[in-house]
Amino acid sequence: MRRSLYGGVLVAALVALATSDSAAQETGTPIFKAPYRSFKNHEFGASFSDPGTGVSFALEGFYGYGRGSNDFNVRGGFEDLNGPGGTRVLLGGDFRTQVLSYSESLPIDGSLTVGLGANVGDGPDTYYLPVGVSIGRRFDLEGSNTTFVPYAHPVVVPIFGNGNSDVKFSLGLGVDVRFSHDLAVRVSGGIGDIEGVGVSLTYIQ
C-alpha cells in the first residue's frame, strides 16, 4: 500500500514537471525513455509533441523491437514550424540496454541509451547523437492491471550540422503507463536546453 501511494505521488510530480523546459532526443523532439521497455517482442505507435520555440507541433510514428535486456527503436515523422516557416522531416533510431536491476541494496532499474537522428528541411539541417542513462522503477496499481514507470533520463546531446556544432545537457522526466497487455501511454518532458513536452500512444506485443 505504501509503495503504491508513493508511486502515485511520484507520478503526479513527474507529469507536472513534464510541462516545463525539456531536452531533445534523436529527432529533436522531447521524447524520453524509461529504463526498460513495456513490450515483450514488438511495439508500434505514434508520438505527438510540442518541441517549443519556433515549432507548432511534431508528429512521429515509431516501431520497436526487443530481445533480452536490449531493444531497438526507429522513428520518423515531421514537425510544423510556426508561421510561414514550413515543414521539417524527422528521422532517427536508438538503442537501449539495461545495466542496473532492482535489488534490496539498489532499489532502482537503469539503462544506457544511445541514439542517432536528423531534423532536416526548411531552415538549417540538424543532427543529434544523444547518450544518456535512464533510471526508474515499475509500480503496480492495486486492484487493476495497470502498471506505471516513473523515471528520470539525464542525457548529453551532441548536435551538429551546417558547419555548426554544440552540446546540450538535459534531465528528462516522464512516466510510462501500461493499461492492459497491449496498450500503453507515455508522457515525457524535462529540464534543460530545449523546450517541449511529448505524449505517445503505443500498441505492444
N, C-alpha and C. Protein backbone atom coordinates (compact mmCIF):
# COMPACT_ATOMS: atom_id res chain seq x y z
N MET A 1 0.82 -1.19 0.00
CA MET A 1 0.00 0.00 0.00
C MET A 1 0.87 1.26 0.00
N ARG A 2 1.89 1.28 0.86
CA ARG A 2 2.77 2.43 0.94
C ARG A 2 3.51 2.64 -0.38
N ARG A 3 3.92 1.51 -1.03
CA ARG A 3 4.64 1.62 -2.28
C ARG A 3 3.75 2.19 -3.37
N SER A 4 2.49 1.76 -3.43
CA SER A 4 1.57 2.28 -4.44
C SER A 4 1.29 3.76 -4.21
N LEU A 5 1.12 4.16 -2.95
CA LEU A 5 0.87 5.56 -2.64
C LEU A 5 2.07 6.41 -3.03
N TYR A 6 3.25 5.94 -2.68
CA TYR A 6 4.47 6.66 -3.03
C TYR A 6 4.61 6.79 -4.55
N GLY A 7 4.34 5.70 -5.25
CA GLY A 7 4.43 5.73 -6.70
C GLY A 7 3.45 6.70 -7.31
N GLY A 8 2.23 6.76 -6.77
CA GLY A 8 1.23 7.68 -7.30
C GLY A 8 1.64 9.13 -7.12
N VAL A 9 2.19 9.46 -5.98
CA VAL A 9 2.66 10.83 -5.73
C VAL A 9 3.80 11.18 -6.67
N LEU A 10 4.72 10.24 -6.87
CA LEU A 10 5.85 10.48 -7.75
C LEU A 10 5.41 10.69 -9.19
N VAL A 11 4.44 9.89 -9.64
CA VAL A 11 3.92 10.05 -10.99
C VAL A 11 3.31 11.43 -11.17
N ALA A 12 2.50 11.86 -10.21
CA ALA A 12 1.88 13.17 -10.30
C ALA A 12 2.92 14.28 -10.39
N ALA A 13 3.98 14.15 -9.62
CA ALA A 13 5.04 15.16 -9.66
C ALA A 13 5.74 15.18 -11.01
N LEU A 14 6.00 14.02 -11.57
CA LEU A 14 6.69 13.96 -12.85
C LEU A 14 5.84 14.52 -13.97
N VAL A 15 4.56 14.21 -13.98
CA VAL A 15 3.67 14.74 -15.01
C VAL A 15 3.59 16.26 -14.92
N ALA A 16 3.57 16.78 -13.71
CA ALA A 16 3.55 18.23 -13.55
C ALA A 16 4.83 18.86 -14.08
N LEU A 17 5.97 18.24 -13.81
CA LEU A 17 7.24 18.77 -14.29
C LEU A 17 7.38 18.66 -15.79
N ALA A 18 6.64 17.71 -16.39
CA ALA A 18 6.79 17.49 -17.83
C ALA A 18 6.32 18.66 -18.67
N THR A 19 5.64 19.64 -18.10
CA THR A 19 5.21 20.80 -18.85
C THR A 19 6.25 21.90 -18.85
N SER A 20 7.40 21.68 -18.21
CA SER A 20 8.45 22.69 -18.21
C SER A 20 9.42 22.43 -19.35
N ASP A 21 10.55 23.20 -19.39
CA ASP A 21 11.53 23.03 -20.45
C ASP A 21 12.02 21.60 -20.51
N SER A 22 12.29 21.13 -21.75
CA SER A 22 12.75 19.75 -21.88
C SER A 22 13.83 19.65 -22.95
N ALA A 23 14.46 18.48 -22.98
CA ALA A 23 15.54 18.25 -23.92
C ALA A 23 15.04 17.57 -25.17
N ALA A 24 15.93 17.40 -26.12
CA ALA A 24 15.61 16.69 -27.34
C ALA A 24 16.25 15.32 -27.32
N GLN A 25 15.68 14.44 -28.09
CA GLN A 25 16.27 13.13 -28.31
C GLN A 25 16.76 13.06 -29.76
N GLU A 26 16.74 11.88 -30.36
CA GLU A 26 17.43 11.70 -31.63
C GLU A 26 16.82 12.45 -32.81
N THR A 27 15.57 12.91 -32.70
CA THR A 27 14.99 13.70 -33.79
C THR A 27 14.72 15.14 -33.40
N GLY A 28 15.16 15.55 -32.22
CA GLY A 28 14.94 16.91 -31.77
C GLY A 28 13.60 17.12 -31.11
N THR A 29 12.88 16.05 -30.77
CA THR A 29 11.60 16.16 -30.07
C THR A 29 11.75 15.65 -28.64
N PRO A 30 10.91 16.10 -27.72
CA PRO A 30 11.07 15.78 -26.29
C PRO A 30 10.49 14.43 -25.90
N ILE A 31 10.95 13.36 -26.56
CA ILE A 31 10.51 12.01 -26.25
C ILE A 31 11.65 11.29 -25.53
N PHE A 32 11.46 11.00 -24.26
CA PHE A 32 12.48 10.34 -23.46
C PHE A 32 12.12 8.86 -23.26
N LYS A 33 13.00 8.13 -22.56
CA LYS A 33 12.82 6.69 -22.44
C LYS A 33 12.89 6.24 -20.99
N ALA A 34 12.03 5.27 -20.65
CA ALA A 34 12.07 4.62 -19.34
C ALA A 34 13.26 3.65 -19.29
N PRO A 35 13.61 3.13 -18.11
CA PRO A 35 14.79 2.25 -18.01
C PRO A 35 14.58 0.87 -18.63
N TYR A 36 13.36 0.50 -18.99
CA TYR A 36 13.14 -0.76 -19.68
C TYR A 36 11.87 -0.66 -20.50
N ARG A 37 11.76 -1.54 -21.47
CA ARG A 37 10.62 -1.49 -22.39
C ARG A 37 9.38 -2.07 -21.74
N SER A 38 8.22 -1.63 -22.24
CA SER A 38 6.95 -2.17 -21.76
C SER A 38 6.46 -3.33 -22.61
N PHE A 39 7.13 -3.60 -23.74
CA PHE A 39 6.71 -4.67 -24.64
C PHE A 39 7.65 -5.86 -24.53
N LYS A 40 7.15 -7.04 -24.93
CA LYS A 40 7.97 -8.24 -24.89
C LYS A 40 8.79 -8.40 -26.16
N ASN A 41 8.13 -8.30 -27.33
CA ASN A 41 8.82 -8.51 -28.61
C ASN A 41 8.80 -7.29 -29.52
N HIS A 42 7.60 -6.69 -29.72
CA HIS A 42 7.45 -5.60 -30.66
C HIS A 42 6.52 -4.54 -30.09
N GLU A 43 6.62 -3.34 -30.67
CA GLU A 43 5.65 -2.29 -30.40
C GLU A 43 5.61 -1.35 -31.60
N PHE A 44 4.48 -0.70 -31.79
CA PHE A 44 4.41 0.40 -32.75
C PHE A 44 3.40 1.40 -32.24
N GLY A 45 3.63 2.67 -32.60
CA GLY A 45 2.75 3.71 -32.08
C GLY A 45 3.06 5.06 -32.68
N ALA A 46 2.55 6.11 -32.02
CA ALA A 46 2.72 7.46 -32.51
C ALA A 46 3.00 8.40 -31.34
N SER A 47 3.78 9.44 -31.62
CA SER A 47 4.11 10.46 -30.63
C SER A 47 3.67 11.82 -31.15
N PHE A 48 3.05 12.59 -30.26
CA PHE A 48 2.68 13.98 -30.55
C PHE A 48 3.41 14.85 -29.55
N SER A 49 4.09 15.88 -30.03
CA SER A 49 4.87 16.70 -29.11
C SER A 49 4.85 18.16 -29.51
N ASP A 50 5.15 19.00 -28.52
CA ASP A 50 5.35 20.43 -28.71
C ASP A 50 6.82 20.71 -28.40
N PRO A 51 7.68 20.74 -29.43
CA PRO A 51 9.10 20.91 -29.19
C PRO A 51 9.52 22.30 -28.75
N GLY A 52 8.60 23.24 -28.65
CA GLY A 52 8.94 24.54 -28.09
C GLY A 52 9.06 25.64 -29.12
N THR A 53 9.92 26.62 -28.84
CA THR A 53 10.03 27.84 -29.62
C THR A 53 10.24 27.58 -31.10
N GLY A 54 9.39 28.20 -31.92
CA GLY A 54 9.52 28.11 -33.36
C GLY A 54 8.82 26.95 -34.01
N VAL A 55 8.30 26.01 -33.23
CA VAL A 55 7.65 24.82 -33.76
C VAL A 55 6.22 24.74 -33.24
N SER A 56 5.26 24.56 -34.15
CA SER A 56 3.86 24.43 -33.75
C SER A 56 3.59 23.08 -33.10
N PHE A 57 4.00 21.99 -33.80
CA PHE A 57 3.85 20.65 -33.25
C PHE A 57 4.70 19.69 -34.06
N ALA A 58 4.91 18.49 -33.52
CA ALA A 58 5.61 17.42 -34.23
C ALA A 58 4.80 16.14 -34.09
N LEU A 59 4.76 15.35 -35.17
CA LEU A 59 4.05 14.08 -35.18
C LEU A 59 4.99 13.02 -35.73
N GLU A 60 5.17 11.93 -34.98
CA GLU A 60 6.08 10.86 -35.38
C GLU A 60 5.44 9.49 -35.18
N GLY A 61 5.75 8.57 -36.07
CA GLY A 61 5.43 7.18 -35.87
C GLY A 61 6.69 6.43 -35.47
N PHE A 62 6.54 5.32 -34.73
CA PHE A 62 7.73 4.59 -34.30
C PHE A 62 7.45 3.09 -34.24
N TYR A 63 8.55 2.33 -34.31
CA TYR A 63 8.50 0.87 -34.19
C TYR A 63 9.65 0.43 -33.32
N GLY A 64 9.39 -0.50 -32.39
CA GLY A 64 10.42 -1.02 -31.50
C GLY A 64 10.49 -2.54 -31.55
N TYR A 65 11.70 -3.05 -31.41
CA TYR A 65 11.95 -4.49 -31.41
C TYR A 65 12.88 -4.80 -30.26
N GLY A 66 12.55 -5.83 -29.46
CA GLY A 66 13.36 -6.13 -28.29
C GLY A 66 13.65 -7.61 -28.11
N ARG A 67 14.83 -7.88 -27.55
CA ARG A 67 15.22 -9.23 -27.16
C ARG A 67 16.10 -9.13 -25.92
N GLY A 68 15.80 -9.95 -24.92
CA GLY A 68 16.59 -9.94 -23.70
C GLY A 68 16.55 -8.58 -23.02
N SER A 69 17.70 -8.06 -22.66
CA SER A 69 17.76 -6.76 -21.99
C SER A 69 17.98 -5.62 -22.97
N ASN A 70 17.92 -5.89 -24.28
CA ASN A 70 18.18 -4.87 -25.29
C ASN A 70 16.95 -4.61 -26.15
N ASP A 71 16.82 -3.40 -26.66
CA ASP A 71 15.80 -3.11 -27.65
C ASP A 71 16.26 -1.99 -28.57
N PHE A 72 15.67 -1.99 -29.77
CA PHE A 72 15.98 -1.01 -30.81
C PHE A 72 14.68 -0.31 -31.20
N ASN A 73 14.79 0.96 -31.57
CA ASN A 73 13.62 1.73 -31.93
C ASN A 73 13.95 2.62 -33.12
N VAL A 74 13.06 2.67 -34.10
CA VAL A 74 13.20 3.62 -35.22
C VAL A 74 11.95 4.49 -35.25
N ARG A 75 12.14 5.75 -35.66
CA ARG A 75 11.01 6.67 -35.72
C ARG A 75 11.17 7.62 -36.88
N GLY A 76 10.03 8.12 -37.36
CA GLY A 76 10.04 9.07 -38.45
C GLY A 76 8.76 9.89 -38.45
N GLY A 77 8.85 11.11 -38.94
CA GLY A 77 7.68 11.97 -38.97
C GLY A 77 8.03 13.35 -39.48
N PHE A 78 7.31 14.35 -38.97
CA PHE A 78 7.54 15.72 -39.41
C PHE A 78 7.19 16.67 -38.28
N GLU A 79 7.69 17.89 -38.39
CA GLU A 79 7.29 18.95 -37.48
C GLU A 79 6.88 20.17 -38.29
N ASP A 80 5.84 20.84 -37.83
CA ASP A 80 5.29 22.02 -38.48
C ASP A 80 5.83 23.26 -37.79
N LEU A 81 6.53 24.10 -38.53
CA LEU A 81 7.11 25.31 -37.96
C LEU A 81 6.05 26.41 -37.86
N ASN A 82 6.24 27.30 -36.90
CA ASN A 82 5.29 28.39 -36.71
C ASN A 82 5.29 29.34 -37.91
N GLY A 83 4.12 29.94 -38.18
CA GLY A 83 4.00 30.92 -39.24
C GLY A 83 4.33 30.32 -40.60
N PRO A 84 5.04 31.09 -41.45
CA PRO A 84 5.39 30.60 -42.79
C PRO A 84 6.68 29.79 -42.80
N GLY A 85 7.09 29.29 -41.66
CA GLY A 85 8.39 28.61 -41.55
C GLY A 85 8.51 27.34 -42.35
N GLY A 86 7.40 26.63 -42.59
CA GLY A 86 7.45 25.41 -43.38
C GLY A 86 7.42 24.15 -42.55
N THR A 87 7.98 23.07 -43.12
CA THR A 87 7.93 21.74 -42.50
C THR A 87 9.31 21.13 -42.50
N ARG A 88 9.59 20.35 -41.45
CA ARG A 88 10.86 19.65 -41.36
C ARG A 88 10.61 18.16 -41.19
N VAL A 89 11.50 17.34 -41.78
CA VAL A 89 11.40 15.89 -41.72
C VAL A 89 12.24 15.38 -40.55
N LEU A 90 11.69 14.41 -39.81
CA LEU A 90 12.34 13.83 -38.64
C LEU A 90 12.60 12.35 -38.88
N LEU A 91 13.85 11.91 -38.72
CA LEU A 91 14.22 10.51 -38.87
C LEU A 91 15.24 10.15 -37.80
N GLY A 92 15.07 8.99 -37.15
CA GLY A 92 16.05 8.62 -36.13
C GLY A 92 15.88 7.20 -35.63
N GLY A 93 16.83 6.78 -34.82
CA GLY A 93 16.79 5.46 -34.20
C GLY A 93 17.56 5.49 -32.89
N ASP A 94 17.29 4.50 -32.03
CA ASP A 94 18.00 4.45 -30.76
C ASP A 94 18.14 3.01 -30.29
N PHE A 95 19.04 2.83 -29.35
CA PHE A 95 19.33 1.54 -28.74
C PHE A 95 19.31 1.71 -27.23
N ARG A 96 18.71 0.73 -26.53
CA ARG A 96 18.64 0.76 -25.07
C ARG A 96 19.04 -0.60 -24.52
N THR A 97 19.89 -0.60 -23.50
CA THR A 97 20.28 -1.84 -22.85
C THR A 97 20.25 -1.65 -21.34
N GLN A 98 19.64 -2.60 -20.64
CA GLN A 98 19.53 -2.48 -19.19
C GLN A 98 20.86 -2.82 -18.53
N VAL A 99 21.31 -1.91 -17.64
CA VAL A 99 22.60 -2.09 -16.97
C VAL A 99 22.46 -2.19 -15.46
N LEU A 100 21.28 -1.84 -14.92
CA LEU A 100 21.02 -1.96 -13.49
C LEU A 100 19.70 -2.67 -13.28
N SER A 101 19.63 -3.56 -12.30
CA SER A 101 18.39 -4.27 -11.97
C SER A 101 18.07 -4.07 -10.50
N TYR A 102 16.78 -3.99 -10.22
CA TYR A 102 16.31 -3.75 -8.85
C TYR A 102 16.82 -4.81 -7.89
N SER A 103 17.27 -4.38 -6.73
CA SER A 103 17.68 -5.28 -5.65
C SER A 103 17.46 -4.57 -4.33
N GLU A 104 17.60 -5.28 -3.23
CA GLU A 104 17.42 -4.67 -1.92
C GLU A 104 18.45 -3.59 -1.65
N SER A 105 19.65 -3.77 -2.17
CA SER A 105 20.69 -2.77 -1.95
C SER A 105 20.61 -1.60 -2.93
N LEU A 106 19.95 -1.81 -4.10
CA LEU A 106 19.81 -0.76 -5.10
C LEU A 106 18.39 -0.82 -5.67
N PRO A 107 17.44 -0.09 -5.07
CA PRO A 107 16.02 -0.23 -5.43
C PRO A 107 15.60 0.55 -6.66
N ILE A 108 16.38 0.47 -7.74
CA ILE A 108 16.03 1.12 -9.00
C ILE A 108 16.48 0.22 -10.15
N ASP A 109 15.93 0.49 -11.33
CA ASP A 109 16.40 -0.11 -12.56
C ASP A 109 17.04 0.98 -13.40
N GLY A 110 18.03 0.61 -14.23
CA GLY A 110 18.70 1.60 -15.04
C GLY A 110 19.13 1.05 -16.38
N SER A 111 19.14 1.92 -17.40
CA SER A 111 19.55 1.52 -18.75
C SER A 111 20.39 2.60 -19.39
N LEU A 112 21.30 2.15 -20.23
CA LEU A 112 22.08 3.04 -21.09
C LEU A 112 21.31 3.23 -22.39
N THR A 113 21.22 4.47 -22.88
CA THR A 113 20.54 4.76 -24.14
C THR A 113 21.48 5.52 -25.07
N VAL A 114 21.42 5.17 -26.36
CA VAL A 114 22.21 5.84 -27.39
C VAL A 114 21.32 6.03 -28.61
N GLY A 115 21.36 7.22 -29.21
CA GLY A 115 20.52 7.48 -30.37
C GLY A 115 21.28 8.21 -31.47
N LEU A 116 20.68 8.25 -32.65
CA LEU A 116 21.22 8.99 -33.78
C LEU A 116 20.05 9.39 -34.66
N GLY A 117 19.99 10.68 -35.04
CA GLY A 117 18.87 11.10 -35.86
C GLY A 117 19.10 12.42 -36.54
N ALA A 118 18.12 12.80 -37.37
CA ALA A 118 18.22 14.01 -38.18
C ALA A 118 16.91 14.78 -38.13
N ASN A 119 17.05 16.12 -38.18
CA ASN A 119 15.93 17.05 -38.25
C ASN A 119 16.26 17.97 -39.43
N VAL A 120 15.64 17.72 -40.60
CA VAL A 120 16.05 18.40 -41.83
C VAL A 120 14.84 18.96 -42.56
N GLY A 121 15.11 19.93 -43.46
CA GLY A 121 14.04 20.52 -44.24
C GLY A 121 14.20 22.02 -44.33
N ASP A 122 13.11 22.75 -44.13
CA ASP A 122 13.16 24.21 -44.16
C ASP A 122 14.03 24.71 -43.00
N GLY A 123 15.01 25.54 -43.34
CA GLY A 123 15.94 26.01 -42.32
C GLY A 123 17.16 25.12 -42.25
N PRO A 124 18.07 25.37 -41.31
CA PRO A 124 19.31 24.58 -41.21
C PRO A 124 19.05 23.14 -40.79
N ASP A 125 19.77 22.21 -41.42
CA ASP A 125 19.67 20.80 -41.06
C ASP A 125 20.44 20.56 -39.76
N THR A 126 19.86 19.69 -38.90
CA THR A 126 20.46 19.42 -37.59
C THR A 126 20.49 17.92 -37.35
N TYR A 127 21.59 17.44 -36.75
CA TYR A 127 21.75 16.02 -36.47
C TYR A 127 22.06 15.86 -34.98
N TYR A 128 21.50 14.81 -34.36
CA TYR A 128 21.57 14.60 -32.92
C TYR A 128 22.21 13.25 -32.60
N LEU A 129 22.99 13.23 -31.53
CA LEU A 129 23.61 11.99 -31.06
C LEU A 129 23.46 11.91 -29.53
N PRO A 130 22.23 11.67 -29.03
CA PRO A 130 22.01 11.67 -27.58
C PRO A 130 22.55 10.40 -26.91
N VAL A 131 23.19 10.60 -25.76
CA VAL A 131 23.67 9.49 -24.93
C VAL A 131 23.19 9.77 -23.51
N GLY A 132 22.56 8.77 -22.88
CA GLY A 132 22.04 9.01 -21.54
C GLY A 132 21.89 7.75 -20.72
N VAL A 133 21.45 7.94 -19.49
CA VAL A 133 21.15 6.84 -18.58
C VAL A 133 19.77 7.10 -18.00
N SER A 134 18.87 6.14 -18.17
CA SER A 134 17.52 6.25 -17.63
C SER A 134 17.40 5.40 -16.37
N ILE A 135 16.86 6.00 -15.30
CA ILE A 135 16.67 5.28 -14.04
C ILE A 135 15.23 5.44 -13.56
N GLY A 136 14.67 4.37 -13.01
CA GLY A 136 13.30 4.41 -12.52
C GLY A 136 12.90 3.08 -11.93
N ARG A 137 11.59 2.92 -11.74
CA ARG A 137 11.09 1.69 -11.13
C ARG A 137 9.63 1.49 -11.51
N ARG A 138 9.25 0.23 -11.68
CA ARG A 138 7.87 -0.11 -12.02
C ARG A 138 7.03 -0.28 -10.77
N PHE A 139 5.78 0.26 -10.82
CA PHE A 139 4.82 0.12 -9.74
C PHE A 139 3.53 -0.46 -10.28
N ASP A 140 2.86 -1.28 -9.48
CA ASP A 140 1.57 -1.86 -9.84
C ASP A 140 0.47 -1.10 -9.12
N LEU A 141 -0.61 -0.80 -9.85
CA LEU A 141 -1.76 -0.15 -9.25
C LEU A 141 -2.67 -1.22 -8.66
N GLU A 142 -2.87 -1.16 -7.36
CA GLU A 142 -3.63 -2.21 -6.66
C GLU A 142 -5.04 -2.34 -7.21
N GLY A 143 -5.48 -3.58 -7.40
CA GLY A 143 -6.83 -3.86 -7.85
C GLY A 143 -7.05 -3.70 -9.33
N SER A 144 -5.97 -3.55 -10.13
CA SER A 144 -6.14 -3.41 -11.58
C SER A 144 -4.92 -4.00 -12.29
N ASN A 145 -4.99 -4.02 -13.63
CA ASN A 145 -3.87 -4.49 -14.44
C ASN A 145 -2.91 -3.37 -14.83
N THR A 146 -3.15 -2.16 -14.31
CA THR A 146 -2.36 -1.01 -14.68
C THR A 146 -1.00 -1.00 -13.96
N THR A 147 0.05 -0.72 -14.72
CA THR A 147 1.38 -0.52 -14.15
C THR A 147 1.91 0.82 -14.65
N PHE A 148 2.77 1.44 -13.86
CA PHE A 148 3.37 2.68 -14.31
C PHE A 148 4.83 2.72 -13.89
N VAL A 149 5.62 3.41 -14.72
CA VAL A 149 7.06 3.50 -14.51
C VAL A 149 7.47 4.97 -14.53
N PRO A 150 7.58 5.61 -13.37
CA PRO A 150 8.16 6.96 -13.34
C PRO A 150 9.68 6.85 -13.48
N TYR A 151 10.28 7.82 -14.17
CA TYR A 151 11.71 7.71 -14.42
C TYR A 151 12.34 9.08 -14.62
N ALA A 152 13.66 9.11 -14.49
CA ALA A 152 14.48 10.27 -14.83
C ALA A 152 15.49 9.83 -15.88
N HIS A 153 15.71 10.68 -16.88
CA HIS A 153 16.56 10.31 -18.00
C HIS A 153 17.51 11.47 -18.35
N PRO A 154 18.61 11.60 -17.62
CA PRO A 154 19.60 12.62 -17.99
C PRO A 154 20.33 12.24 -19.27
N VAL A 155 20.52 13.23 -20.15
CA VAL A 155 21.17 12.97 -21.44
C VAL A 155 22.16 14.07 -21.78
N VAL A 156 23.19 13.68 -22.51
CA VAL A 156 24.11 14.59 -23.17
C VAL A 156 23.84 14.47 -24.66
N VAL A 157 23.60 15.60 -25.35
CA VAL A 157 23.16 15.55 -26.74
C VAL A 157 24.10 16.38 -27.62
N PRO A 158 25.14 15.78 -28.20
CA PRO A 158 25.91 16.49 -29.22
C PRO A 158 25.04 16.79 -30.43
N ILE A 159 25.12 18.02 -30.94
CA ILE A 159 24.32 18.47 -32.07
C ILE A 159 25.27 19.03 -33.12
N PHE A 160 25.06 18.67 -34.38
CA PHE A 160 25.92 19.18 -35.44
C PHE A 160 25.13 19.31 -36.73
N GLY A 161 25.69 20.09 -37.67
CA GLY A 161 25.03 20.30 -38.95
C GLY A 161 25.29 21.68 -39.47
N ASN A 162 25.37 21.81 -40.82
CA ASN A 162 25.60 23.10 -41.49
C ASN A 162 26.82 23.84 -40.95
N GLY A 163 27.86 23.07 -40.59
CA GLY A 163 29.09 23.69 -40.12
C GLY A 163 29.08 24.12 -38.68
N ASN A 164 27.97 23.92 -37.97
CA ASN A 164 27.87 24.31 -36.57
C ASN A 164 27.75 23.08 -35.69
N SER A 165 28.26 23.17 -34.47
CA SER A 165 28.15 22.06 -33.53
C SER A 165 27.93 22.62 -32.13
N ASP A 166 27.31 21.81 -31.27
CA ASP A 166 27.01 22.23 -29.90
C ASP A 166 26.78 20.97 -29.08
N VAL A 167 26.73 21.12 -27.78
CA VAL A 167 26.41 20.01 -26.88
C VAL A 167 25.34 20.50 -25.91
N LYS A 168 24.22 19.78 -25.86
CA LYS A 168 23.12 20.10 -24.96
C LYS A 168 23.11 19.13 -23.78
N PHE A 169 22.67 19.63 -22.62
CA PHE A 169 22.54 18.81 -21.42
C PHE A 169 21.11 18.93 -20.91
N SER A 170 20.47 17.81 -20.59
CA SER A 170 19.08 17.85 -20.16
C SER A 170 18.76 16.72 -19.19
N LEU A 171 17.77 16.97 -18.36
CA LEU A 171 17.21 15.95 -17.48
C LEU A 171 15.79 15.67 -17.94
N GLY A 172 15.58 14.52 -18.54
CA GLY A 172 14.24 14.13 -18.96
C GLY A 172 13.48 13.51 -17.80
N LEU A 173 12.21 13.84 -17.70
CA LEU A 173 11.32 13.27 -16.68
C LEU A 173 10.09 12.72 -17.37
N GLY A 174 9.63 11.57 -16.94
CA GLY A 174 8.46 11.00 -17.60
C GLY A 174 7.83 9.88 -16.83
N VAL A 175 6.75 9.36 -17.39
CA VAL A 175 6.07 8.21 -16.83
C VAL A 175 5.48 7.39 -17.97
N ASP A 176 5.70 6.08 -17.93
CA ASP A 176 5.08 5.14 -18.86
C ASP A 176 3.95 4.43 -18.13
N VAL A 177 2.75 4.46 -18.68
CA VAL A 177 1.58 3.84 -18.05
C VAL A 177 1.07 2.75 -18.98
N ARG A 178 1.03 1.52 -18.48
CA ARG A 178 0.50 0.40 -19.25
C ARG A 178 -0.87 0.03 -18.70
N PHE A 179 -1.91 0.17 -19.52
CA PHE A 179 -3.27 -0.06 -19.07
C PHE A 179 -3.73 -1.50 -19.25
N SER A 180 -3.12 -2.22 -20.18
CA SER A 180 -3.52 -3.60 -20.46
C SER A 180 -2.32 -4.31 -21.06
N HIS A 181 -2.56 -5.53 -21.57
CA HIS A 181 -1.47 -6.31 -22.16
C HIS A 181 -0.99 -5.72 -23.47
N ASP A 182 -1.79 -4.86 -24.11
CA ASP A 182 -1.40 -4.38 -25.44
C ASP A 182 -1.51 -2.87 -25.64
N LEU A 183 -1.71 -2.09 -24.58
CA LEU A 183 -1.86 -0.65 -24.75
C LEU A 183 -1.11 0.10 -23.66
N ALA A 184 -0.34 1.11 -24.07
CA ALA A 184 0.41 1.93 -23.12
C ALA A 184 0.42 3.38 -23.57
N VAL A 185 0.51 4.29 -22.60
CA VAL A 185 0.62 5.73 -22.85
C VAL A 185 1.86 6.24 -22.15
N ARG A 186 2.59 7.14 -22.81
CA ARG A 186 3.82 7.68 -22.25
C ARG A 186 3.78 9.20 -22.30
N VAL A 187 4.17 9.82 -21.20
CA VAL A 187 4.27 11.28 -21.12
C VAL A 187 5.70 11.61 -20.72
N SER A 188 6.30 12.56 -21.43
CA SER A 188 7.67 12.93 -21.09
C SER A 188 7.91 14.41 -21.32
N GLY A 189 8.85 14.94 -20.58
CA GLY A 189 9.28 16.32 -20.70
C GLY A 189 10.58 16.44 -19.95
N GLY A 190 10.99 17.63 -19.60
CA GLY A 190 12.25 17.69 -18.87
C GLY A 190 12.71 19.08 -18.54
N ILE A 191 13.89 19.16 -18.04
CA ILE A 191 14.54 20.41 -17.66
C ILE A 191 15.87 20.46 -18.40
N GLY A 192 16.09 21.49 -19.18
CA GLY A 192 17.34 21.54 -19.93
C GLY A 192 17.37 22.63 -20.97
N ASP A 193 18.06 22.37 -22.06
CA ASP A 193 18.34 23.40 -23.06
C ASP A 193 17.22 23.61 -24.07
N ILE A 194 16.36 22.62 -24.30
CA ILE A 194 15.36 22.71 -25.35
C ILE A 194 13.97 22.51 -24.76
N GLU A 195 13.01 23.37 -25.12
CA GLU A 195 11.67 23.31 -24.56
C GLU A 195 10.82 22.23 -25.19
N GLY A 196 9.78 21.78 -24.51
CA GLY A 196 8.82 20.87 -25.11
C GLY A 196 8.21 19.87 -24.15
N VAL A 197 7.17 19.21 -24.62
CA VAL A 197 6.51 18.13 -23.90
C VAL A 197 5.95 17.16 -24.94
N GLY A 198 5.97 15.86 -24.63
CA GLY A 198 5.52 14.88 -25.60
C GLY A 198 4.64 13.80 -24.99
N VAL A 199 3.72 13.28 -25.80
CA VAL A 199 2.83 12.19 -25.39
C VAL A 199 2.85 11.13 -26.48
N SER A 200 2.96 9.87 -26.09
CA SER A 200 2.99 8.76 -27.04
C SER A 200 1.92 7.74 -26.69
N LEU A 201 1.31 7.17 -27.72
CA LEU A 201 0.36 6.06 -27.58
C LEU A 201 0.93 4.89 -28.34
N THR A 202 1.02 3.72 -27.70
CA THR A 202 1.68 2.59 -28.34
C THR A 202 0.91 1.29 -28.15
N TYR A 203 0.94 0.46 -29.20
CA TYR A 203 0.39 -0.90 -29.15
C TYR A 203 1.56 -1.85 -28.96
N ILE A 204 1.50 -2.70 -27.95
CA ILE A 204 2.64 -3.56 -27.57
C ILE A 204 2.28 -5.03 -27.74
N GLN A 205 3.29 -5.81 -28.06
CA GLN A 205 3.12 -7.26 -28.24
C GLN A 205 4.24 -7.99 -27.53
